[in-house]
Amino acid sequence: MPHLRLYAVSEAVAETLSEKLIPELAQLTQTQTDEFTLQVVQGQFYRAGQRCEGNPQVEVIWFDRGLHVQNQCAKAITNALLPYYSETNIQVAFCVLAQKQYYINGAHF
């Protein structure tokens, strides 16, 4: 934990993010790098009945770390994606879990 789900992001970009972004996020959140997971979610996007390219989106599932850290992480994620997707809107959303809602091997974290 944290878990990042990437939408409309290529696998090549995801590989780069796993090497360069994760260490930065680990430092910002004071979390070990091996606690992070990064997942590319494959899918097709549609607008007005037509297939289209989606805007890059990152969904961050994590425990609350405060708004200041969240803002820093959102900026780091956006900055990491900008070189690849500067012509579109980059969206970052945080899904905050309470520790009592998160289990590892059937036990609360």
PDB file of N, CA and C in Angstrom:
ATOM      1  N   MET A   1       0.867  -1.156   0.000  1.00  0.00           N
ATOM      2  CA  MET A   1       0.000   0.000   0.000  1.00  0.00           C
ATOM      3  C   MET A   1       0.914   1.219   0.000  1.00  0.00           C
ATOM      4  N   PRO A   2       0.853   2.159  -0.807  1.00  0.00           N
ATOM      5  CA  PRO A   2      -0.189   2.583  -1.724  1.00  0.00           C
ATOM      6  C   PRO A   2      -0.201   1.795  -3.049  1.00  0.00           C
ATOM      7  N   HIS A   3      -1.363   1.843  -3.702  1.00  0.00           N
ATOM      8  CA  HIS A   3      -1.576   1.168  -4.975  1.00  0.00           C
ATOM      9  C   HIS A   3      -1.976   2.224  -6.004  1.00  0.00           C
ATOM     10  N   LEU A   4      -1.267   2.287  -7.117  1.00  0.00           N
ATOM     11  CA  LEU A   4      -1.574   3.240  -8.181  1.00  0.00           C
ATOM     12  C   LEU A   4      -2.125   2.478  -9.373  1.00  0.00           C
ATOM     13  N   ARG A   5      -3.321   2.853  -9.809  1.00  0.00           N
ATOM     14  CA  ARG A   5      -3.927   2.285 -11.018  1.00  0.00           C
ATOM     15  C   ARG A   5      -3.814   3.324 -12.125  1.00  0.00           C
ATOM     16  N   LEU A   6      -3.240   2.919 -13.232  1.00  0.00           N
ATOM     17  CA  LEU A   6      -3.007   3.826 -14.347  1.00  0.00           C
ATOM     18  C   LEU A   6      -3.975   3.507 -15.480  1.00  0.00           C
ATOM     19  N   TYR A   7      -4.685   4.509 -15.933  1.00  0.00           N
ATOM     20  CA  TYR A   7      -5.619   4.386 -17.048  1.00  0.00           C
ATOM     21  C   TYR A   7      -5.112   5.262 -18.193  1.00  0.00           C
ATOM     22  N   ALA A   8      -5.220   4.757 -19.434  1.00  0.00           N
ATOM     23  CA  ALA A   8      -4.786   5.484 -20.631  1.00  0.00           C
ATOM     24  C   ALA A   8      -3.308   5.865 -20.534  1.00  0.00           C
ATOM     25  N   VAL A   9      -2.526   4.998 -19.927  1.00  0.00           N
ATOM     26  CA  VAL A   9      -1.078   5.172 -19.813  1.00  0.00           C
ATOM     27  C   VAL A   9      -0.442   3.920 -20.407  1.00  0.00           C
ATOM     28  N   SER A  10       0.526   4.103 -21.278  1.00  0.00           N
ATOM     29  CA  SER A  10       1.153   2.963 -21.937  1.00  0.00           C
ATOM     30  C   SER A  10       2.006   2.161 -20.951  1.00  0.00           C
ATOM     31  N   GLU A  11       2.236   0.913 -21.298  1.00  0.00           N
ATOM     32  CA  GLU A  11       3.070   0.059 -20.448  1.00  0.00           C
ATOM     33  C   GLU A  11       4.496   0.591 -20.375  1.00  0.00           C
ATOM     34  N   ALA A  12       4.999   1.142 -21.466  1.00  0.00           N
ATOM     35  CA  ALA A  12       6.357   1.697 -21.465  1.00  0.00           C
ATOM     36  C   ALA A  12       6.476   2.858 -20.482  1.00  0.00           C
ATOM     37  N   VAL A  13       5.468   3.720 -20.473  1.00  0.00           N
ATOM     38  CA  VAL A  13       5.475   4.843 -19.520  1.00  0.00           C
ATOM     39  C   VAL A  13       5.350   4.310 -18.092  1.00  0.00           C
ATOM     40  N   ALA A  14       4.512   3.309 -17.891  1.00  0.00           N
ATOM     41  CA  ALA A  14       4.349   2.719 -16.560  1.00  0.00           C
ATOM     42  C   ALA A  14       5.674   2.144 -16.044  1.00  0.00           C
ATOM     43  N   GLU A  15       6.429   1.499 -16.919  1.00  0.00           N
ATOM     44  CA  GLU A  15       7.734   0.956 -16.512  1.00  0.00           C
ATOM     45  C   GLU A  15       8.656   2.075 -16.044  1.00  0.00           C
ATOM     46  N   THR A  16       8.658   3.175 -16.779  1.00  0.00           N
ATOM     47  CA  THR A  16       9.481   4.324 -16.391  1.00  0.00           C
ATOM     48  C   THR A  16       9.013   4.897 -15.058  1.00  0.00           C
ATOM     49  N   LEU A  17       7.701   5.015 -14.884  1.00  0.00           N
ATOM     50  CA  LEU A  17       7.171   5.534 -13.621  1.00  0.00           C
ATOM     51  C   LEU A  17       7.568   4.645 -12.451  1.00  0.00           C
ATOM     52  N   SER A  18       7.568   3.342 -12.676  1.00  0.00           N
ATOM     53  CA  SER A  18       7.913   2.430 -11.582  1.00  0.00           C
ATOM     54  C   SER A  18       9.352   2.622 -11.129  1.00  0.00           C
ATOM     55  N   GLU A  19      10.203   3.078 -12.035  1.00  0.00           N
ATOM     56  CA  GLU A  19      11.606   3.308 -11.685  1.00  0.00           C
ATOM     57  C   GLU A  19      11.868   4.703 -11.133  1.00  0.00           C
ATOM     58  N   LYS A  20      11.172   5.710 -11.680  1.00  0.00           N
ATOM     59  CA  LYS A  20      11.484   7.096 -11.330  1.00  0.00           C
ATOM     60  C   LYS A  20      10.490   7.739 -10.383  1.00  0.00           C
ATOM     61  N   LEU A  21       9.202   7.461 -10.564  1.00  0.00           N
ATOM     62  CA  LEU A  21       8.180   8.106  -9.732  1.00  0.00           C
ATOM     63  C   LEU A  21       8.066   7.451  -8.364  1.00  0.00           C
ATOM     64  N   ILE A  22       8.083   6.129  -8.320  1.00  0.00           N
ATOM     65  CA  ILE A  22       7.879   5.428  -7.039  1.00  0.00           C
ATOM     66  C   ILE A  22       8.888   5.865  -5.984  1.00  0.00           C
ATOM     67  N   PRO A  23      10.184   5.976  -6.283  1.00  0.00           N
ATOM     68  CA  PRO A  23      11.110   6.474  -5.245  1.00  0.00           C
ATOM     69  C   PRO A  23      10.761   7.876  -4.739  1.00  0.00           C
ATOM     70  N   GLU A  24      10.292   8.736  -5.640  1.00  0.00           N
ATOM     71  CA  GLU A  24       9.897  10.077  -5.219  1.00  0.00           C
ATOM     72  C   GLU A  24       8.673  10.032  -4.303  1.00  0.00           C
ATOM     73  N   LEU A  25       7.674   9.221  -4.685  1.00  0.00           N
ATOM     74  CA  LEU A  25       6.488   9.088  -3.831  1.00  0.00           C
ATOM     75  C   LEU A  25       6.833   8.449  -2.491  1.00  0.00           C
ATOM     76  N   ALA A  26       7.744   7.499  -2.506  1.00  0.00           N
ATOM     77  CA  ALA A  26       8.168   6.853  -1.258  1.00  0.00           C
ATOM     78  C   ALA A  26       8.790   7.873  -0.311  1.00  0.00           C
ATOM     79  N   GLN A  27       9.590   8.749  -0.867  1.00  0.00           N
ATOM     80  CA  GLN A  27      10.208   9.786  -0.032  1.00  0.00           C
ATOM     81  C   GLN A  27       9.151  10.750   0.507  1.00  0.00           C
ATOM     82  N   LEU A  28       8.217  11.166  -0.343  1.00  0.00           N
ATOM     83  CA  LEU A  28       7.173  12.103   0.093  1.00  0.00           C
ATOM     84  C   LEU A  28       6.279  11.509   1.177  1.00  0.00           C
ATOM     85  N   THR A  29       5.997  10.209   1.068  1.00  0.00           N
ATOM     86  CA  THR A  29       5.077   9.569   2.013  1.00  0.00           C
ATOM     87  C   THR A  29       5.793   8.863   3.163  1.00  0.00           C
ATOM     88  N   GLN A  30       7.121   8.829   3.094  1.00  0.00           N
ATOM     89  CA  GLN A  30       7.935   8.121   4.085  1.00  0.00           C
ATOM     90  C   GLN A  30       7.502   6.658   4.174  1.00  0.00           C
ATOM     91  N   THR A  31       7.388   6.052   2.982  1.00  0.00           N
ATOM     92  CA  THR A  31       6.987   4.659   2.831  1.00  0.00           C
ATOM     93  C   THR A  31       8.056   3.949   2.016  1.00  0.00           C
ATOM     94  N   GLN A  32       8.344   2.703   2.317  1.00  0.00           N
ATOM     95  CA  GLN A  32       9.329   1.934   1.561  1.00  0.00           C
ATOM     96  C   GLN A  32       8.840   1.737   0.120  1.00  0.00           C
ATOM     97  N   THR A  33       9.764   1.753  -0.833  1.00  0.00           N
ATOM     98  CA  THR A  33       9.381   1.605  -2.236  1.00  0.00           C
ATOM     99  C   THR A  33       8.699   0.270  -2.509  1.00  0.00           C
ATOM    100  N   ASP A  34       9.084  -0.764  -1.797  1.00  0.00           N
ATOM    101  CA  ASP A  34       8.468  -2.078  -2.058  1.00  0.00           C
ATOM    102  C   ASP A  34       7.039  -2.184  -1.524  1.00  0.00           C
ATOM    103  N   GLU A  35       6.560  -1.154  -0.850  1.00  0.00           N
ATOM    104  CA  GLU A  35       5.171  -1.120  -0.399  1.00  0.00           C
ATOM    105  C   GLU A  35       4.226  -0.623  -1.501  1.00  0.00           C
ATOM    106  N   PHE A  36       4.771  -0.035  -2.558  1.00  0.00           N
ATOM    107  CA  PHE A  36       3.970   0.510  -3.654  1.00  0.00           C
ATOM    108  C   PHE A  36       3.696  -0.571  -4.688  1.00  0.00           C
ATOM    109  N   THR A  37       2.499  -0.506  -5.280  1.00  0.00           N
ATOM    110  CA  THR A  37       2.176  -1.309  -6.457  1.00  0.00           C
ATOM    111  C   THR A  37       1.675  -0.355  -7.521  1.00  0.00           C
ATOM    112  N   LEU A  38       2.027  -0.663  -8.751  1.00  0.00           N
ATOM    113  CA  LEU A  38       1.621   0.142  -9.880  1.00  0.00           C
ATOM    114  C   LEU A  38       0.967  -0.804 -10.886  1.00  0.00           C
ATOM    115  N   GLN A  39      -0.252  -0.492 -11.294  1.00  0.00           N
ATOM    116  CA  GLN A  39      -1.022  -1.368 -12.172  1.00  0.00           C
ATOM    117  C   GLN A  39      -1.497  -0.589 -13.388  1.00  0.00           C
ATOM    118  N   VAL A  40      -1.277  -1.134 -14.573  1.00  0.00           N
ATOM    119  CA  VAL A  40      -1.823  -0.555 -15.795  1.00  0.00           C
ATOM    120  C   VAL A  40      -3.163  -1.230 -16.053  1.00  0.00           C
ATOM    121  N   VAL A  41      -4.215  -0.436 -16.127  1.00  0.00           N
ATOM    122  CA  VAL A  41      -5.554  -0.949 -16.390  1.00  0.00           C
ATOM    123  C   VAL A  41      -5.838  -0.735 -17.878  1.00  0.00           C
ATOM    124  N   GLN A  42      -6.003  -1.831 -18.601  1.00  0.00           N
ATOM    125  CA  GLN A  42      -6.270  -1.768 -20.040  1.00  0.00           C
ATOM    126  C   GLN A  42      -7.766  -1.540 -20.270  1.00  0.00           C
ATOM    127  N   GLY A  43      -8.084  -0.761 -21.250  1.00  0.00           N
ATOM    128  CA  GLY A  43      -9.484  -0.542 -21.580  1.00  0.00           C
ATOM    129  C   GLY A  43      -9.609   0.354 -22.791  1.00  0.00           C
ATOM    130  N   GLN A  44     -10.816   0.455 -23.295  1.00  0.00           N
ATOM    131  CA  GLN A  44     -11.107   1.320 -24.429  1.00  0.00           C
ATOM    132  C   GLN A  44     -11.995   2.456 -23.949  1.00  0.00           C
ATOM    133  N   PHE A  45     -11.728   3.664 -24.428  1.00  0.00           N
ATOM    134  CA  PHE A  45     -12.487   4.846 -24.045  1.00  0.00           C
ATOM    135  C   PHE A  45     -13.417   5.249 -25.186  1.00  0.00           C
ATOM    136  N   TYR A  46     -14.556   5.859 -24.820  1.00  0.00           N
ATOM    137  CA  TYR A  46     -15.557   6.287 -25.792  1.00  0.00           C
ATOM    138  C   TYR A  46     -16.063   7.672 -25.436  1.00  0.00           C
ATOM    139  N   ARG A  47     -16.353   8.456 -26.463  1.00  0.00           N
ATOM    140  CA  ARG A  47     -17.021   9.748 -26.305  1.00  0.00           C
ATOM    141  C   ARG A  47     -18.001   9.899 -27.461  1.00  0.00           C
ATOM    142  N   ALA A  48     -19.203  10.289 -27.149  1.00  0.00           N
ATOM    143  CA  ALA A  48     -20.230  10.554 -28.161  1.00  0.00           C
ATOM    144  C   ALA A  48     -20.371   9.384 -29.131  1.00  0.00           C
ATOM    145  N   GLY A  49     -20.334   8.174 -28.600  1.00  0.00           N
ATOM    146  CA  GLY A  49     -20.531   6.985 -29.409  1.00  0.00           C
ATOM    147  C   GLY A  49     -19.343   6.568 -30.253  1.00  0.00           C
ATOM    148  N   GLN A  50     -18.187   7.204 -30.041  1.00  0.00           N
ATOM    149  CA  GLN A  50     -16.995   6.917 -30.831  1.00  0.00           C
ATOM    150  C   GLN A  50     -15.831   6.497 -29.932  1.00  0.00           C
ATOM    151  N   ARG A  51     -15.030   5.566 -30.438  1.00  0.00           N
ATOM    152  CA  ARG A  51     -13.794   5.208 -29.735  1.00  0.00           C
ATOM    153  C   ARG A  51     -12.866   6.410 -29.744  1.00  0.00           C
ATOM    154  N   CYS A  52     -12.148   6.586 -28.653  1.00  0.00           N
ATOM    155  CA  CYS A  52     -11.216   7.710 -28.572  1.00  0.00           C
ATOM    156  C   CYS A  52     -10.071   7.354 -27.629  1.00  0.00           C
ATOM    157  N   GLU A  53      -9.070   8.195 -27.638  1.00  0.00           N
ATOM    158  CA  GLU A  53      -7.983   8.071 -26.685  1.00  0.00           C
ATOM    159  C   GLU A  53      -8.453   8.660 -25.357  1.00  0.00           C
ATOM    160  N   GLY A  54      -8.203   7.980 -24.274  1.00  0.00           N
ATOM    161  CA  GLY A  54      -8.575   8.506 -22.970  1.00  0.00           C
ATOM    162  C   GLY A  54      -7.518   9.453 -22.440  1.00  0.00           C
ATOM    163  N   ASN A  55      -7.918  10.285 -21.510  1.00  0.00           N
ATOM    164  CA  ASN A  55      -6.955  11.123 -20.801  1.00  0.00           C
ATOM    165  C   ASN A  55      -6.247  10.270 -19.756  1.00  0.00           C
ATOM    166  N   PRO A  56      -4.963  10.484 -19.570  1.00  0.00           N
ATOM    167  CA  PRO A  56      -4.258   9.733 -18.530  1.00  0.00           C
ATOM    168  C   PRO A  56      -4.878  10.003 -17.156  1.00  0.00           C
ATOM    169  N   GLN A  57      -5.161   8.928 -16.453  1.00  0.00           N
ATOM    170  CA  GLN A  57      -5.723   9.027 -15.107  1.00  0.00           C
ATOM    171  C   GLN A  57      -4.925   8.129 -14.175  1.00  0.00           C
ATOM    172  N   VAL A  58      -4.694   8.613 -12.984  1.00  0.00           N
ATOM    173  CA  VAL A  58      -4.042   7.807 -11.956  1.00  0.00           C
ATOM    174  C   VAL A  58      -4.947   7.814 -10.737  1.00  0.00           C
ATOM    175  N   GLU A  59      -5.322   6.631 -10.320  1.00  0.00           N
ATOM    176  CA  GLU A  59      -6.123   6.442  -9.111  1.00  0.00           C
ATOM    177  C   GLU A  59      -5.174   5.925  -8.031  1.00  0.00           C
ATOM    178  N   VAL A  60      -5.057   6.671  -6.963  1.00  0.00           N
ATOM    179  CA  VAL A  60      -4.162   6.305  -5.870  1.00  0.00           C
ATOM    180  C   VAL A  60      -5.010   5.800  -4.706  1.00  0.00           C
ATOM    181  N   ILE A  61      -4.813   4.547  -4.360  1.00  0.00           N
ATOM    182  CA  ILE A  61      -5.530   3.943  -3.229  1.00  0.00           C
ATOM    183  C   ILE A  61      -4.527   3.856  -2.089  1.00  0.00           C
ATOM    184  N   TRP A  62      -4.854   4.512  -0.978  1.00  0.00           N
ATOM    185  CA  TRP A  62      -3.894   4.573   0.122  1.00  0.00           C
ATOM    186  C   TRP A  62      -4.568   4.945   1.419  1.00  0.00           C
ATOM    187  N   PHE A  63      -3.774   4.957   2.500  1.00  0.00           N
ATOM    188  CA  PHE A  63      -4.233   5.465   3.784  1.00  0.00           C
ATOM    189  C   PHE A  63      -4.004   6.967   3.792  1.00  0.00           C
ATOM    190  N   ASP A  64      -4.831   7.696   4.525  1.00  0.00           N
ATOM    191  CA  ASP A  64      -4.730   9.149   4.588  1.00  0.00           C
ATOM    192  C   ASP A  64      -3.352   9.570   5.085  1.00  0.00           C
ATOM    193  N   ARG A  65      -2.760  10.480   4.358  1.00  0.00           N
ATOM    194  CA  ARG A  65      -1.456  11.025   4.731  1.00  0.00           C
ATOM    195  C   ARG A  65      -1.506  12.551   4.867  1.00  0.00           C
ATOM    196  N   GLY A  66      -2.705  13.076   4.906  1.00  0.00           N
ATOM    197  CA  GLY A  66      -2.870  14.521   5.043  1.00  0.00           C
ATOM    198  C   GLY A  66      -2.876  15.219   3.693  1.00  0.00           C
ATOM    199  N   LEU A  67      -3.551  16.357   3.639  1.00  0.00           N
ATOM    200  CA  LEU A  67      -3.720  17.091   2.388  1.00  0.00           C
ATOM    201  C   LEU A  67      -2.394  17.597   1.834  1.00  0.00           C
ATOM    202  N   HIS A  68      -1.480  18.016   2.698  1.00  0.00           N
ATOM    203  CA  HIS A  68      -0.194  18.539   2.234  1.00  0.00           C
ATOM    204  C   HIS A  68       0.576  17.469   1.460  1.00  0.00           C
ATOM    205  N   VAL A  69       0.677  16.264   2.003  1.00  0.00           N
ATOM    206  CA  VAL A  69       1.376  15.165   1.329  1.00  0.00           C
ATOM    207  C   VAL A  69       0.607  14.756   0.072  1.00  0.00           C
ATOM    208  N   GLN A  70      -0.703  14.714   0.160  1.00  0.00           N
ATOM    209  CA  GLN A  70      -1.518  14.362  -1.004  1.00  0.00           C
ATOM    210  C   GLN A  70      -1.277  15.340  -2.146  1.00  0.00           C
ATOM    211  N   ASN A  71      -1.250  16.640  -1.842  1.00  0.00           N
ATOM    212  CA  ASN A  71      -0.985  17.656  -2.867  1.00  0.00           C
ATOM    213  C   ASN A  71       0.394  17.451  -3.494  1.00  0.00           C
ATOM    214  N   GLN A  72       1.390  17.156  -2.675  1.00  0.00           N
ATOM    215  CA  GLN A  72       2.743  16.929  -3.186  1.00  0.00           C
ATOM    216  C   GLN A  72       2.783  15.706  -4.102  1.00  0.00           C
ATOM    217  N   CYS A  73       2.093  14.663  -3.715  1.00  0.00           N
ATOM    218  CA  CYS A  73       2.063  13.442  -4.521  1.00  0.00           C
ATOM    219  C   CYS A  73       1.321  13.667  -5.831  1.00  0.00           C
ATOM    220  N   ALA A  74       0.219  14.396  -5.794  1.00  0.00           N
ATOM    221  CA  ALA A  74      -0.521  14.700  -7.025  1.00  0.00           C
ATOM    222  C   ALA A  74       0.363  15.472  -8.001  1.00  0.00           C
ATOM    223  N   LYS A  75       1.113  16.418  -7.485  1.00  0.00           N
ATOM    224  CA  LYS A  75       2.020  17.203  -8.324  1.00  0.00           C
ATOM    225  C   LYS A  75       3.132  16.329  -8.891  1.00  0.00           C
ATOM    226  N   ALA A  76       3.693  15.450  -8.078  1.00  0.00           N
ATOM    227  CA  ALA A  76       4.762  14.562  -8.542  1.00  0.00           C
ATOM    228  C   ALA A  76       4.257  13.627  -9.638  1.00  0.00           C
ATOM    229  N   ILE A  77       3.066  13.081  -9.458  1.00  0.00           N
ATOM    230  CA  ILE A  77       2.482  12.186 -10.459  1.00  0.00           C
ATOM    231  C   ILE A  77       2.233  12.945 -11.760  1.00  0.00           C
ATOM    232  N   THR A  78       1.644  14.120 -11.658  1.00  0.00           N
ATOM    233  CA  THR A  78       1.374  14.938 -12.839  1.00  0.00           C
ATOM    234  C   THR A  78       2.672  15.285 -13.561  1.00  0.00           C
ATOM    235  N   ASN A  79       3.674  15.731 -12.820  1.00  0.00           N
ATOM    236  CA  ASN A  79       4.958  16.101 -13.428  1.00  0.00           C
ATOM    237  C   ASN A  79       5.630  14.907 -14.097  1.00  0.00           C
ATOM    238  N   ALA A  80       5.468  13.714 -13.529  1.00  0.00           N
ATOM    239  CA  ALA A  80       6.068  12.518 -14.119  1.00  0.00           C
ATOM    240  C   ALA A  80       5.398  12.145 -15.441  1.00  0.00           C
ATOM    241  N   LEU A  81       4.109  12.442 -15.575  1.00  0.00           N
ATOM    242  CA  LEU A  81       3.373  12.104 -16.794  1.00  0.00           C
ATOM    243  C   LEU A  81       3.446  13.183 -17.870  1.00  0.00           C
ATOM    244  N   LEU A  82       3.703  14.412 -17.478  1.00  0.00           N
ATOM    245  CA  LEU A  82       3.699  15.523 -18.430  1.00  0.00           C
ATOM    246  C   LEU A  82       4.603  15.323 -19.647  1.00  0.00           C
ATOM    247  N   PRO A  83       5.807  14.788 -19.504  1.00  0.00           N
ATOM    248  CA  PRO A  83       6.640  14.617 -20.702  1.00  0.00           C
ATOM    249  C   PRO A  83       6.024  13.697 -21.760  1.00  0.00           C
ATOM    250  N   TYR A  84       5.124  12.821 -21.349  1.00  0.00           N
ATOM    251  CA  TYR A  84       4.523  11.852 -22.262  1.00  0.00           C
ATOM    252  C   TYR A  84       3.128  12.271 -22.738  1.00  0.00           C
ATOM    253  N   TYR A  85       2.449  13.074 -21.934  1.00  0.00           N
ATOM    254  CA  TYR A  85       1.049  13.410 -22.210  1.00  0.00           C
ATOM    255  C   TYR A  85       0.793  14.905 -22.030  1.00  0.00           C
ATOM    256  N   SER A  86       1.627  15.737 -22.599  1.00  0.00           N
ATOM    257  CA  SER A  86       1.503  17.185 -22.375  1.00  0.00           C
ATOM    258  C   SER A  86       0.346  17.813 -23.137  1.00  0.00           C
ATOM    259  N   GLU A  87      -0.220  17.098 -24.106  1.00  0.00           N
ATOM    260  CA  GLU A  87      -1.295  17.651 -24.923  1.00  0.00           C
ATOM    261  C   GLU A  87      -2.693  17.333 -24.386  1.00  0.00           C
ATOM    262  N   THR A  88      -2.775  16.799 -23.195  1.00  0.00           N
ATOM    263  CA  THR A  88      -4.070  16.383 -22.657  1.00  0.00           C
ATOM    264  C   THR A  88      -4.129  16.698 -21.166  1.00  0.00           C
ATOM    265  N   ASN A  89      -5.292  16.497 -20.567  1.00  0.00           N
ATOM    266  CA  ASN A  89      -5.452  16.689 -19.126  1.00  0.00           C
ATOM    267  C   ASN A  89      -5.023  15.422 -18.396  1.00  0.00           C
ATOM    268  N   ILE A  90      -4.210  15.594 -17.404  1.00  0.00           N
ATOM    269  CA  ILE A  90      -3.770  14.477 -16.566  1.00  0.00           C
ATOM    270  C   ILE A  90      -4.577  14.548 -15.274  1.00  0.00           C
ATOM    271  N   GLN A  91      -5.268  13.461 -14.972  1.00  0.00           N
ATOM    272  CA  GLN A  91      -6.159  13.435 -13.816  1.00  0.00           C
ATOM    273  C   GLN A  91      -5.593  12.506 -12.743  1.00  0.00           C
ATOM    274  N   VAL A  92      -5.641  12.955 -11.502  1.00  0.00           N
ATOM    275  CA  VAL A  92      -5.187  12.154 -10.365  1.00  0.00           C
ATOM    276  C   VAL A  92      -6.312  12.167  -9.331  1.00  0.00           C
ATOM    277  N   ALA A  93      -6.688  10.986  -8.864  1.00  0.00           N
ATOM    278  CA  ALA A  93      -7.737  10.875  -7.842  1.00  0.00           C
ATOM    279  C   ALA A  93      -7.215  10.004  -6.704  1.00  0.00           C
ATOM    280  N   PHE A  94      -7.522  10.396  -5.488  1.00  0.00           N
ATOM    281  CA  PHE A  94      -7.094   9.656  -4.310  1.00  0.00           C
ATOM    282  C   PHE A  94      -8.297   8.978  -3.672  1.00  0.00           C
ATOM    283  N   CYS A  95      -8.182   7.693  -3.428  1.00  0.00           N
ATOM    284  CA  CYS A  95      -9.190   6.913  -2.720  1.00  0.00           C
ATOM    285  C   CYS A  95      -8.589   6.539  -1.373  1.00  0.00           C
ATOM    286  N   VAL A  96      -9.112   7.128  -0.329  1.00  0.00           N
ATOM    287  CA  VAL A  96      -8.539   6.943   0.999  1.00  0.00           C
ATOM    288  C   VAL A  96      -9.241   5.790   1.711  1.00  0.00           C
ATOM    289  N   LEU A  97      -8.453   4.858   2.189  1.00  0.00           N
ATOM    290  CA  LEU A  97      -8.962   3.732   2.962  1.00  0.00           C
ATOM    291  C   LEU A  97      -8.655   3.931   4.438  1.00  0.00           C
ATOM    292  N   ALA A  98      -9.579   3.547   5.295  1.00  0.00           N
ATOM    293  CA  ALA A  98      -9.300   3.465   6.727  1.00  0.00           C
ATOM    294  C   ALA A  98      -8.569   2.147   6.964  1.00  0.00           C
ATOM    295  N   GLN A  99      -7.645   2.131   7.893  1.00  0.00           N
ATOM    296  CA  GLN A  99      -6.874   0.909   8.137  1.00  0.00           C
ATOM    297  C   GLN A  99      -7.774  -0.267   8.491  1.00  0.00           C
ATOM    298  N   LYS A 100      -8.916   0.002   9.122  1.00  0.00           N
ATOM    299  CA  LYS A 100      -9.822  -1.088   9.469  1.00  0.00           C
ATOM    300  C   LYS A 100     -10.503  -1.683   8.243  1.00  0.00           C
ATOM    301  N   GLN A 101     -10.376  -1.022   7.083  1.00  0.00           N
ATOM    302  CA  GLN A 101     -10.958  -1.523   5.836  1.00  0.00           C
ATOM    303  C   GLN A 101      -9.954  -2.287   4.985  1.00  0.00           C
ATOM    304  N   TYR A 102      -8.728  -2.401   5.445  1.00  0.00           N
ATOM    305  CA  TYR A 102      -7.659  -3.000   4.642  1.00  0.00           C
ATOM    306  C   TYR A 102      -7.138  -4.245   5.360  1.00  0.00           C
ATOM    307  N   TYR A 103      -7.095  -5.342   4.634  1.00  0.00           N
ATOM    308  CA  TYR A 103      -6.686  -6.626   5.208  1.00  0.00           C
ATOM    309  C   TYR A 103      -5.503  -7.182   4.429  1.00  0.00           C
ATOM    310  N   ILE A 104      -4.597  -7.820   5.110  1.00  0.00           N
ATOM    311  CA  ILE A 104      -3.530  -8.608   4.502  1.00  0.00           C
ATOM    312  C   ILE A 104      -3.667 -10.014   5.053  1.00  0.00           C
ATOM    313  N   ASN A 105      -3.870 -10.960   4.139  1.00  0.00           N
ATOM    314  CA  ASN A 105      -4.063 -12.366   4.524  1.00  0.00           C
ATOM    315  C   ASN A 105      -5.167 -12.529   5.570  1.00  0.00           C
ATOM    316  N   GLY A 106      -6.249 -11.766   5.409  1.00  0.00           N
ATOM    317  CA  GLY A 106      -7.408 -11.901   6.285  1.00  0.00           C
ATOM    318  C   GLY A 106      -7.324 -11.162   7.596  1.00  0.00           C
ATOM    319  N   ALA A 107      -6.225 -10.436   7.819  1.00  0.00           N
ATOM    320  CA  ALA A 107      -6.061  -9.691   9.078  1.00  0.00           C
ATOM    321  C   ALA A 107      -5.962  -8.195   8.788  1.00  0.00           C
ATOM    322  N   HIS A 108      -6.523  -7.378   9.698  1.00  0.00           N
ATOM    323  CA  HIS A 108      -6.418  -5.932   9.574  1.00  0.00           C
ATOM    324  C   HIS A 108      -4.972  -5.540   9.495  1.00  0.00           C
ATOM    325  N   PHE A 109      -4.730  -4.488   8.729  1.00  0.00           N
ATOM    326  CA  PHE A 109      -3.384  -3.937   8.619  1.00  0.00           C
ATOM    327  C   PHE A 109      -3.044  -3.221   9.903  1.00  0.00           C
TER     328      PHE A 109
END
